Amino acid sequence: MMKMLAEEEVCGQLVACIVYDSFMKFADAVANRLKLPSIVLRTTTAAYMHSHNVMFQLLAEDLIPLPGLFKDLPAPATIEIPQIVLDFLHSYMDIRSSSAVIWNTVDQLDHWPLQQLKQHWPVPFFSIGPFHKMAPAVATSLLEEESSCLSWLDKQAPNSVIYASLGSAALIDENELIEMAWGLAKSEQPFLWAVRPSLLNGTDAMKSLPEEFIKITQERGMVVKWAPQKKAMFCRPNGKCKVLGACVESRPGIGELQAD
């Protein structure tokens, strides 16, 4: 970084600011060392970030573990949360000395949580999402994508395909996988389902799908290990996608919060 700054100074092009992802907390220390302002980039929605504040408030009031089932918090709230997880979440939430926050959202969707978060972080907020509409169409997935599903998608009727995926990090048990399979089967709709091999902890999820499910859906469904999500969801007239993307693309969606 020091070398890059020196080279740019010679060329007369000075670095004005460092924008860094919230997971790269060391970048703020680098910016301070170089006497540069920094801006933290939040790729999640403001509602998701606000759920952390709610969880910390419940912890402060000694209300966790909570009775029953609560899925709207960033960590399991029905059991005692390990200290190492809490330390990570505290670090993730901290904007340190950043001069502003960039959000992957729009104010019309996240107005209330943005207002709540401004009480914790008295810095300018820039809600400039959705990022997928601004980013170039390059491959960014760490998982191998099965592009063969795109030609299958192009053969389906417009606005007819359900796209199902639980993301790149979530884990479920075999019962949940089977329930999801039969839910797609009983929908009687064409579907594209990304079943990541590591979706089941320690077991290949693809091999755990019921044979009867595969048999009765093979004519109208396609199951892949991972799909090129941006091309599948946003560049074709089929499928249902994540909340922000769904709103931008004018498509309905059904989802479950995952700490992903």
C-alpha atoms as a PDB file:
ATOM      1  CA  MET A   1       0.000   0.000   0.000  1.00  0.00           C
ATOM      2  CA  MET A   2       2.826   2.369   0.889  1.00  0.00           C
ATOM      3  CA  LYS A   3       4.523   1.576  -2.420  1.00  0.00           C
ATOM      4  CA  MET A   4       1.304   2.153  -4.358  1.00  0.00           C
ATOM      5  CA  LEU A   5       0.776   5.500  -2.653  1.00  0.00           C
ATOM      6  CA  ALA A   6       4.345   6.555  -3.433  1.00  0.00           C
ATOM      7  CA  GLU A   7       3.915   5.613  -7.108  1.00  0.00           C
ATOM      8  CA  GLU A   8       0.618   7.478  -7.365  1.00  0.00           C
ATOM      9  CA  GLU A   9       2.125  10.548  -5.724  1.00  0.00           C
ATOM     10  CA  VAL A  10       4.800  10.612  -8.437  1.00  0.00           C
ATOM     11  CA  CYS A  11       2.056  10.394 -11.085  1.00  0.00           C
ATOM     12  CA  GLY A  12       0.023  13.092  -9.391  1.00  0.00           C
ATOM     13  CA  GLN A  13      -2.876  10.708  -8.586  1.00  0.00           C
ATOM     14  CA  LEU A  14      -3.351  10.649  -4.846  1.00  0.00           C
ATOM     15  CA  VAL A  15      -5.543   8.148  -2.961  1.00  0.00           C
ATOM     16  CA  ALA A  16      -8.371  10.098  -1.330  1.00  0.00           C
ATOM     17  CA  CYS A  17     -10.106   7.374   0.697  1.00  0.00           C
ATOM     18  CA  ILE A  18     -10.091   3.636   1.499  1.00  0.00           C
ATOM     19  CA  VAL A  19     -13.384   1.761   1.075  1.00  0.00           C
ATOM     20  CA  TYR A  20     -13.307  -1.653   2.735  1.00  0.00           C
ATOM     21  CA  ASP A  21     -15.620  -4.597   3.355  1.00  0.00           C
ATOM     22  CA  SER A  22     -16.830  -4.888   6.941  1.00  0.00           C
ATOM     23  CA  PHE A  23     -15.065  -8.252   7.351  1.00  0.00           C
ATOM     24  CA  MET A  24     -11.683  -6.657   6.521  1.00  0.00           C
ATOM     25  CA  LYS A  25     -11.407  -4.755   9.796  1.00  0.00           C
ATOM     26  CA  PHE A  26      -7.625  -4.349   9.439  1.00  0.00           C
ATOM     27  CA  ALA A  27      -8.208  -1.910   6.562  1.00  0.00           C
ATOM     28  CA  ASP A  28      -9.368   0.750   9.009  1.00  0.00           C
ATOM     29  CA  ALA A  29      -6.067   0.495  10.903  1.00  0.00           C
ATOM     30  CA  VAL A  30      -4.197   0.811   7.597  1.00  0.00           C
ATOM     31  CA  ALA A  31      -6.193   3.922   6.720  1.00  0.00           C
ATOM     32  CA  ASN A  32      -5.382   5.469  10.102  1.00  0.00           C
ATOM     33  CA  ARG A  33      -1.700   4.648   9.660  1.00  0.00           C
ATOM     34  CA  LEU A  34      -1.709   6.360   6.274  1.00  0.00           C
ATOM     35  CA  LYS A  35      -3.791   9.265   7.600  1.00  0.00           C
ATOM     36  CA  LEU A  36      -6.558   8.536   5.072  1.00  0.00           C
ATOM     37  CA  PRO A  37     -10.317   8.591   5.671  1.00  0.00           C
ATOM     38  CA  SER A  38     -12.087   5.246   5.412  1.00  0.00           C
ATOM     39  CA  ILE A  39     -15.622   4.135   4.518  1.00  0.00           C
ATOM     40  CA  VAL A  40     -16.992   0.733   5.527  1.00  0.00           C
ATOM     41  CA  LEU A  41     -18.937  -1.229   2.903  1.00  0.00           C
ATOM     42  CA  ARG A  42     -21.906  -3.257   4.165  1.00  0.00           C
ATOM     43  CA  THR A  43     -22.980  -5.846   1.599  1.00  0.00           C
ATOM     44  CA  THR A  44     -25.942  -6.871   3.763  1.00  0.00           C
ATOM     45  CA  THR A  45     -29.190  -4.995   4.298  1.00  0.00           C
ATOM     46  CA  ALA A  46     -29.704  -2.554   7.145  1.00  0.00           C
ATOM     47  CA  ALA A  47     -32.469  -4.783   8.557  1.00  0.00           C
ATOM     48  CA  TYR A  48     -29.974  -7.627   8.970  1.00  0.00           C
ATOM     49  CA  MET A  49     -27.488  -5.362  10.723  1.00  0.00           C
ATOM     50  CA  HIS A  50     -30.186  -3.973  13.000  1.00  0.00           C
ATOM     51  CA  SER A  51     -31.040  -7.532  14.072  1.00  0.00           C
ATOM     52  CA  HIS A  52     -27.565  -7.658  15.672  1.00  0.00           C
ATOM     53  CA  ASN A  53     -28.385  -4.629  17.804  1.00  0.00           C
ATOM     54  CA  VAL A  54     -31.653  -6.252  18.866  1.00  0.00           C
ATOM     55  CA  MET A  55     -29.788  -9.411  19.849  1.00  0.00           C
ATOM     56  CA  PHE A  56     -27.218  -7.471  21.895  1.00  0.00           C
ATOM     57  CA  GLN A  57     -30.046  -5.608  23.630  1.00  0.00           C
ATOM     58  CA  LEU A  58     -31.687  -8.928  24.553  1.00  0.00           C
ATOM     59  CA  LEU A  59     -28.352 -10.183  25.872  1.00  0.00           C
ATOM     60  CA  ALA A  60     -27.915  -7.039  27.983  1.00  0.00           C
ATOM     61  CA  GLU A  61     -31.372  -7.641  29.478  1.00  0.00           C
ATOM     62  CA  ASP A  62     -30.446 -11.283  30.173  1.00  0.00           C
ATOM     63  CA  LEU A  63     -33.265 -12.529  27.919  1.00  0.00           C
ATOM     64  CA  ILE A  64     -31.199 -15.013  25.893  1.00  0.00           C
ATOM     65  CA  PRO A  65     -31.697 -17.976  25.628  1.00  0.00           C
ATOM     66  CA  LEU A  66     -35.228 -17.244  24.433  1.00  0.00           C
ATOM     67  CA  PRO A  67     -38.044 -19.787  24.688  1.00  0.00           C
ATOM     68  CA  GLY A  68     -39.529 -21.127  21.475  1.00  0.00           C
ATOM     69  CA  LEU A  69     -38.277 -20.640  17.931  1.00  0.00           C
ATOM     70  CA  PHE A  70     -36.889 -17.314  16.744  1.00  0.00           C
ATOM     71  CA  LYS A  71     -35.433 -17.134  13.235  1.00  0.00           C
ATOM     72  CA  ASP A  72     -35.056 -13.367  12.842  1.00  0.00           C
ATOM     73  CA  LEU A  73     -31.822 -13.002  14.812  1.00  0.00           C
ATOM     74  CA  PRO A  74     -28.272 -13.400  13.422  1.00  0.00           C
ATOM     75  CA  ALA A  75     -27.376 -16.180  15.881  1.00  0.00           C
ATOM     76  CA  PRO A  76     -29.385 -19.015  17.498  1.00  0.00           C
ATOM     77  CA  ALA A  77     -31.253 -17.328  20.354  1.00  0.00           C
ATOM     78  CA  THR A  78     -32.768 -20.413  21.979  1.00  0.00           C
ATOM     79  CA  ILE A  79     -29.393 -21.562  23.313  1.00  0.00           C
ATOM     80  CA  GLU A  80     -26.512 -19.812  25.027  1.00  0.00           C
ATOM     81  CA  ILE A  81     -24.415 -18.036  22.394  1.00  0.00           C
ATOM     82  CA  PRO A  82     -20.692 -18.885  22.648  1.00  0.00           C
ATOM     83  CA  GLN A  83     -18.431 -15.981  23.590  1.00  0.00           C
ATOM     84  CA  ILE A  84     -16.304 -16.448  20.479  1.00  0.00           C
ATOM     85  CA  VAL A  85     -19.417 -15.874  18.332  1.00  0.00           C
ATOM     86  CA  LEU A  86     -20.337 -12.770  20.306  1.00  0.00           C
ATOM     87  CA  ASP A  87     -16.792 -11.417  19.945  1.00  0.00           C
ATOM     88  CA  PHE A  88     -16.962 -11.938  16.194  1.00  0.00           C
ATOM     89  CA  LEU A  89     -20.350 -10.215  15.922  1.00  0.00           C
ATOM     90  CA  HIS A  90     -19.154  -7.269  18.014  1.00  0.00           C
ATOM     91  CA  SER A  91     -16.146  -6.879  15.714  1.00  0.00           C
ATOM     92  CA  TYR A  92     -18.338  -7.234  12.625  1.00  0.00           C
ATOM     93  CA  MET A  93     -20.702  -4.510  13.848  1.00  0.00           C
ATOM     94  CA  ASP A  94     -17.951  -2.033  14.762  1.00  0.00           C
ATOM     95  CA  ILE A  95     -17.391   0.653  12.115  1.00  0.00           C
ATOM     96  CA  ARG A  96     -14.296   1.869  14.020  1.00  0.00           C
ATOM     97  CA  SER A  97     -13.116   5.250  12.743  1.00  0.00           C
ATOM     98  CA  SER A  98     -14.896   5.066   9.394  1.00  0.00           C
ATOM     99  CA  SER A  99     -16.209   8.360   8.067  1.00  0.00           C
ATOM    100  CA  ALA A 100     -19.337   6.837   6.485  1.00  0.00           C
ATOM    101  CA  VAL A 101     -21.150   3.586   5.687  1.00  0.00           C
ATOM    102  CA  ILE A 102     -22.123   2.311   2.226  1.00  0.00           C
ATOM    103  CA  TRP A 103     -25.156   0.000   2.185  1.00  0.00           C
ATOM    104  CA  ASN A 104     -26.300  -2.578  -0.344  1.00  0.00           C
ATOM    105  CA  THR A 105     -29.918  -1.480   0.009  1.00  0.00           C
ATOM    106  CA  VAL A 106     -32.352   1.287  -0.832  1.00  0.00           C
ATOM    107  CA  ASP A 107     -33.999   3.647   1.619  1.00  0.00           C
ATOM    108  CA  GLN A 108     -37.501   2.653   0.520  1.00  0.00           C
ATOM    109  CA  LEU A 109     -36.918  -0.905   1.764  1.00  0.00           C
ATOM    110  CA  ASP A 110     -34.764  -0.253   4.823  1.00  0.00           C
ATOM    111  CA  HIS A 111     -35.867   3.199   5.974  1.00  0.00           C
ATOM    112  CA  TRP A 112     -36.759   2.235   9.554  1.00  0.00           C
ATOM    113  CA  PRO A 113     -33.680   0.079  10.327  1.00  0.00           C
ATOM    114  CA  LEU A 114     -31.440   2.715   8.723  1.00  0.00           C
ATOM    115  CA  GLN A 115     -32.882   5.310  11.083  1.00  0.00           C
ATOM    116  CA  GLN A 116     -32.286   2.995  14.040  1.00  0.00           C
ATOM    117  CA  LEU A 117     -28.685   2.318  13.014  1.00  0.00           C
ATOM    118  CA  LYS A 118     -27.962   6.043  12.647  1.00  0.00           C
ATOM    119  CA  GLN A 119     -28.520   6.318  16.394  1.00  0.00           C
ATOM    120  CA  HIS A 120     -25.586   3.939  16.907  1.00  0.00           C
ATOM    121  CA  TRP A 121     -23.359   5.252  14.124  1.00  0.00           C
ATOM    122  CA  PRO A 122     -23.608   9.064  13.748  1.00  0.00           C
ATOM    123  CA  VAL A 123     -21.932   9.136  10.324  1.00  0.00           C
ATOM    124  CA  PRO A 124     -23.330   9.638   6.799  1.00  0.00           C
ATOM    125  CA  PHE A 125     -25.118   6.628   5.264  1.00  0.00           C
ATOM    126  CA  PHE A 126     -25.089   5.967   1.516  1.00  0.00           C
ATOM    127  CA  SER A 127     -27.783   3.499   0.420  1.00  0.00           C
ATOM    128  CA  ILE A 128     -26.713   2.807  -3.153  1.00  0.00           C
ATOM    129  CA  GLY A 129     -27.830  -0.783  -3.719  1.00  0.00           C
ATOM    130  CA  PRO A 130     -28.515  -3.078  -5.329  1.00  0.00           C
ATOM    131  CA  PHE A 131     -24.858  -3.796  -6.072  1.00  0.00           C
ATOM    132  CA  HIS A 132     -25.628  -6.521  -8.596  1.00  0.00           C
ATOM    133  CA  LYS A 133     -27.059  -3.904 -10.969  1.00  0.00           C
ATOM    134  CA  MET A 134     -23.790  -1.940 -10.915  1.00  0.00           C
ATOM    135  CA  ALA A 135     -21.165  -4.692 -10.792  1.00  0.00           C
ATOM    136  CA  PRO A 136     -19.732  -6.076 -14.043  1.00  0.00           C
ATOM    137  CA  ALA A 137     -20.840  -9.550 -15.090  1.00  0.00           C
ATOM    138  CA  VAL A 138     -17.736 -11.455 -14.006  1.00  0.00           C
ATOM    139  CA  ALA A 139     -17.437 -14.802 -12.244  1.00  0.00           C
ATOM    140  CA  THR A 140     -17.026 -14.206  -8.502  1.00  0.00           C
ATOM    141  CA  SER A 141     -18.245 -17.483  -7.032  1.00  0.00           C
ATOM    142  CA  LEU A 142     -15.809 -19.626  -5.063  1.00  0.00           C
ATOM    143  CA  LEU A 143     -17.936 -22.664  -5.948  1.00  0.00           C
ATOM    144  CA  GLU A 144     -17.859 -24.337  -9.341  1.00  0.00           C
ATOM    145  CA  GLU A 145     -20.894 -23.193 -11.321  1.00  0.00           C
ATOM    146  CA  GLU A 146     -22.927 -25.512 -13.549  1.00  0.00           C
ATOM    147  CA  SER A 147     -23.689 -23.268 -16.508  1.00  0.00           C
ATOM    148  CA  SER A 148     -25.633 -26.035 -18.276  1.00  0.00           C
ATOM    149  CA  CYS A 149     -28.700 -24.938 -16.311  1.00  0.00           C
ATOM    150  CA  LEU A 150     -28.843 -21.680 -18.286  1.00  0.00           C
ATOM    151  CA  SER A 151     -29.800 -23.384 -21.546  1.00  0.00           C
ATOM    152  CA  TRP A 152     -32.444 -25.354 -19.608  1.00  0.00           C
ATOM    153  CA  LEU A 153     -33.793 -22.085 -18.159  1.00  0.00           C
ATOM    154  CA  ASP A 154     -34.063 -20.524 -21.606  1.00  0.00           C
ATOM    155  CA  LYS A 155     -36.431 -23.319 -22.658  1.00  0.00           C
ATOM    156  CA  GLN A 156     -38.911 -22.621 -19.834  1.00  0.00           C
ATOM    157  CA  ALA A 157     -41.927 -20.334 -20.041  1.00  0.00           C
ATOM    158  CA  PRO A 158     -41.381 -16.741 -18.852  1.00  0.00           C
ATOM    159  CA  ASN A 159     -41.849 -16.162 -15.102  1.00  0.00           C
ATOM    160  CA  SER A 160     -42.485 -19.853 -14.465  1.00  0.00           C
ATOM    161  CA  VAL A 161     -39.377 -21.198 -12.699  1.00  0.00           C
ATOM    162  CA  ILE A 162     -38.781 -21.312  -8.952  1.00  0.00           C
ATOM    163  CA  TYR A 163     -35.116 -20.777  -8.083  1.00  0.00           C
ATOM    164  CA  ALA A 164     -34.180 -22.383  -4.747  1.00  0.00           C
ATOM    165  CA  SER A 165     -30.875 -21.913  -2.925  1.00  0.00           C
ATOM    166  CA  LEU A 166     -29.806 -21.588   0.710  1.00  0.00           C
ATOM    167  CA  GLY A 167     -26.593 -19.776  -0.074  1.00  0.00           C
ATOM    168  CA  SER A 168     -22.933 -20.716   0.134  1.00  0.00           C
ATOM    169  CA  ALA A 169     -22.541 -21.258   3.892  1.00  0.00           C
ATOM    170  CA  ALA A 170     -25.836 -22.381   5.468  1.00  0.00           C
ATOM    171  CA  LEU A 171     -26.165 -25.897   6.887  1.00  0.00           C
ATOM    172  CA  ILE A 172     -29.394 -27.890   7.280  1.00  0.00           C
ATOM    173  CA  ASP A 173     -30.238 -31.419   8.418  1.00  0.00           C
ATOM    174  CA  GLU A 174     -31.515 -34.248   6.229  1.00  0.00           C
ATOM    175  CA  ASN A 175     -35.137 -33.810   7.308  1.00  0.00           C
ATOM    176  CA  GLU A 176     -35.094 -30.162   6.199  1.00  0.00           C
ATOM    177  CA  LEU A 177     -33.544 -31.159   2.876  1.00  0.00           C
ATOM    178  CA  ILE A 178     -36.260 -33.756   2.253  1.00  0.00           C
ATOM    179  CA  GLU A 179     -39.019 -31.320   3.263  1.00  0.00           C
ATOM    180  CA  MET A 180     -37.632 -28.780   0.827  1.00  0.00           C
ATOM    181  CA  ALA A 181     -37.500 -31.432  -1.912  1.00  0.00           C
ATOM    182  CA  TRP A 182     -41.133 -32.428  -1.469  1.00  0.00           C
ATOM    183  CA  GLY A 183     -42.179 -28.789  -1.228  1.00  0.00           C
ATOM    184  CA  LEU A 184     -40.711 -28.190  -4.679  1.00  0.00           C
ATOM    185  CA  ALA A 185     -42.258 -31.404  -5.980  1.00  0.00           C
ATOM    186  CA  LYS A 186     -45.739 -30.503  -4.718  1.00  0.00           C
ATOM    187  CA  SER A 187     -45.495 -26.963  -6.109  1.00  0.00           C
ATOM    188  CA  GLU A 188     -46.058 -28.477  -9.561  1.00  0.00           C
ATOM    189  CA  GLN A 189     -43.885 -25.674 -10.965  1.00  0.00           C
ATOM    190  CA  PRO A 190     -40.621 -25.916 -12.929  1.00  0.00           C
ATOM    191  CA  PHE A 191     -37.694 -25.323 -10.573  1.00  0.00           C
ATOM    192  CA  LEU A 192     -33.954 -24.847 -10.508  1.00  0.00           C
ATOM    193  CA  TRP A 193     -32.501 -26.014  -7.197  1.00  0.00           C
ATOM    194  CA  ALA A 194     -28.899 -25.406  -6.133  1.00  0.00           C
ATOM    195  CA  VAL A 195     -28.036 -28.228  -3.718  1.00  0.00           C
ATOM    196  CA  ARG A 196     -24.528 -27.482  -2.501  1.00  0.00           C
ATOM    197  CA  PRO A 197     -22.717 -30.778  -1.644  1.00  0.00           C
ATOM    198  CA  SER A 198     -21.750 -29.382   1.782  1.00  0.00           C
ATOM    199  CA  LEU A 199     -25.314 -28.257   2.569  1.00  0.00           C
ATOM    200  CA  LEU A 200     -25.598 -31.248   4.913  1.00  0.00           C
ATOM    201  CA  ASN A 201     -22.831 -31.218   7.493  1.00  0.00           C
ATOM    202  CA  GLY A 202     -20.593 -34.170   6.656  1.00  0.00           C
ATOM    203  CA  THR A 203     -22.895 -35.735   4.029  1.00  0.00           C
ATOM    204  CA  ASP A 204     -23.213 -35.170   0.279  1.00  0.00           C
ATOM    205  CA  ALA A 205     -26.594 -33.464  -0.001  1.00  0.00           C
ATOM    206  CA  MET A 206     -27.124 -34.502  -3.634  1.00  0.00           C
ATOM    207  CA  LYS A 207     -26.871 -38.180  -2.662  1.00  0.00           C
ATOM    208  CA  SER A 208     -29.432 -37.692   0.108  1.00  0.00           C
ATOM    209  CA  LEU A 209     -32.276 -36.631  -2.212  1.00  0.00           C
ATOM    210  CA  PRO A 210     -35.100 -39.228  -2.316  1.00  0.00           C
ATOM    211  CA  GLU A 211     -35.096 -41.353  -5.470  1.00  0.00           C
ATOM    212  CA  GLU A 212     -38.864 -40.920  -5.831  1.00  0.00           C
ATOM    213  CA  PHE A 213     -38.443 -37.130  -5.768  1.00  0.00           C
ATOM    214  CA  ILE A 214     -35.867 -37.302  -8.579  1.00  0.00           C
ATOM    215  CA  LYS A 215     -38.103 -39.616 -10.597  1.00  0.00           C
ATOM    216  CA  ILE A 216     -41.278 -37.517 -10.447  1.00  0.00           C
ATOM    217  CA  THR A 217     -39.559 -34.142 -11.003  1.00  0.00           C
ATOM    218  CA  GLN A 218     -36.992 -35.003 -13.663  1.00  0.00           C
ATOM    219  CA  GLU A 219     -39.213 -33.617 -16.449  1.00  0.00           C
ATOM    220  CA  ARG A 220     -39.813 -30.181 -14.876  1.00  0.00           C
ATOM    221  CA  GLY A 221     -36.985 -29.652 -12.409  1.00  0.00           C
ATOM    222  CA  MET A 222     -33.226 -29.286 -12.525  1.00  0.00           C
ATOM    223  CA  VAL A 223     -30.948 -29.892  -9.548  1.00  0.00           C
ATOM    224  CA  VAL A 224     -27.374 -28.604  -9.704  1.00  0.00           C
ATOM    225  CA  LYS A 225     -24.556 -28.364  -7.183  1.00  0.00           C
ATOM    226  CA  TRP A 226     -24.271 -24.619  -7.757  1.00  0.00           C
ATOM    227  CA  ALA A 227     -25.803 -22.247 -10.290  1.00  0.00           C
ATOM    228  CA  PRO A 228     -24.372 -19.065 -11.833  1.00  0.00           C
ATOM    229  CA  GLN A 229     -26.747 -17.030  -9.677  1.00  0.00           C
ATOM    230  CA  LYS A 230     -26.449 -13.634 -11.303  1.00  0.00           C
ATOM    231  CA  LYS A 231     -27.095 -14.985 -14.788  1.00  0.00           C
ATOM    232  CA  ALA A 232     -29.821 -17.353 -13.622  1.00  0.00           C
ATOM    233  CA  MET A 233     -31.764 -14.876 -11.515  1.00  0.00           C
ATOM    234  CA  PHE A 234     -31.234 -11.480 -13.111  1.00  0.00           C
ATOM    235  CA  CYS A 235     -30.473 -12.025 -16.786  1.00  0.00           C
ATOM    236  CA  ARG A 236     -33.390 -14.309 -17.596  1.00  0.00           C
ATOM    237  CA  PRO A 237     -37.171 -13.932 -17.364  1.00  0.00           C
ATOM    238  CA  ASN A 238     -37.493 -16.882 -14.951  1.00  0.00           C
ATOM    239  CA  GLY A 239     -37.022 -17.629 -11.290  1.00  0.00           C
ATOM    240  CA  LYS A 240     -37.458 -16.065  -7.877  1.00  0.00           C
ATOM    241  CA  CYS A 241     -34.574 -14.440  -6.047  1.00  0.00           C
ATOM    242  CA  LYS A 242     -33.419 -12.650  -2.915  1.00  0.00           C
ATOM    243  CA  VAL A 243     -35.475  -9.786  -1.507  1.00  0.00           C
ATOM    244  CA  LEU A 244     -33.567  -6.813  -2.915  1.00  0.00           C
ATOM    245  CA  GLY A 245     -32.956  -8.464  -6.263  1.00  0.00           C
ATOM    246  CA  ALA A 246     -36.553  -9.646  -6.410  1.00  0.00           C
ATOM    247  CA  CYS A 247     -37.853  -6.123  -5.880  1.00  0.00           C
ATOM    248  CA  VAL A 248     -35.541  -4.677  -8.525  1.00  0.00           C
ATOM    249  CA  GLU A 249     -36.468  -7.388 -11.012  1.00  0.00           C
ATOM    250  CA  SER A 250     -40.196  -7.227 -10.080  1.00  0.00           C
ATOM    251  CA  ARG A 251     -40.329 -10.876  -9.040  1.00  0.00           C
ATOM    252  CA  PRO A 252     -41.891 -12.537  -5.992  1.00  0.00           C
ATOM    253  CA  GLY A 253     -39.782 -14.443  -3.511  1.00  0.00           C
ATOM    254  CA  ILE A 254     -40.103 -16.736  -0.488  1.00  0.00           C
ATOM    255  CA  GLY A 255     -37.194 -16.843   1.919  1.00  0.00           C
ATOM    256  CA  GLU A 256     -35.891 -17.876   5.293  1.00  0.00           C
ATOM    257  CA  LEU A 257     -33.247 -15.824   7.106  1.00  0.00           C
ATOM    258  CA  GLN A 258     -29.902 -17.596   7.170  1.00  0.00           C
ATOM    259  CA  ALA A 259     -26.745 -16.245   8.848  1.00  0.00           C
ATOM    260  CA  ASP A 260     -24.901 -16.548   5.550  1.00  0.00           C
END
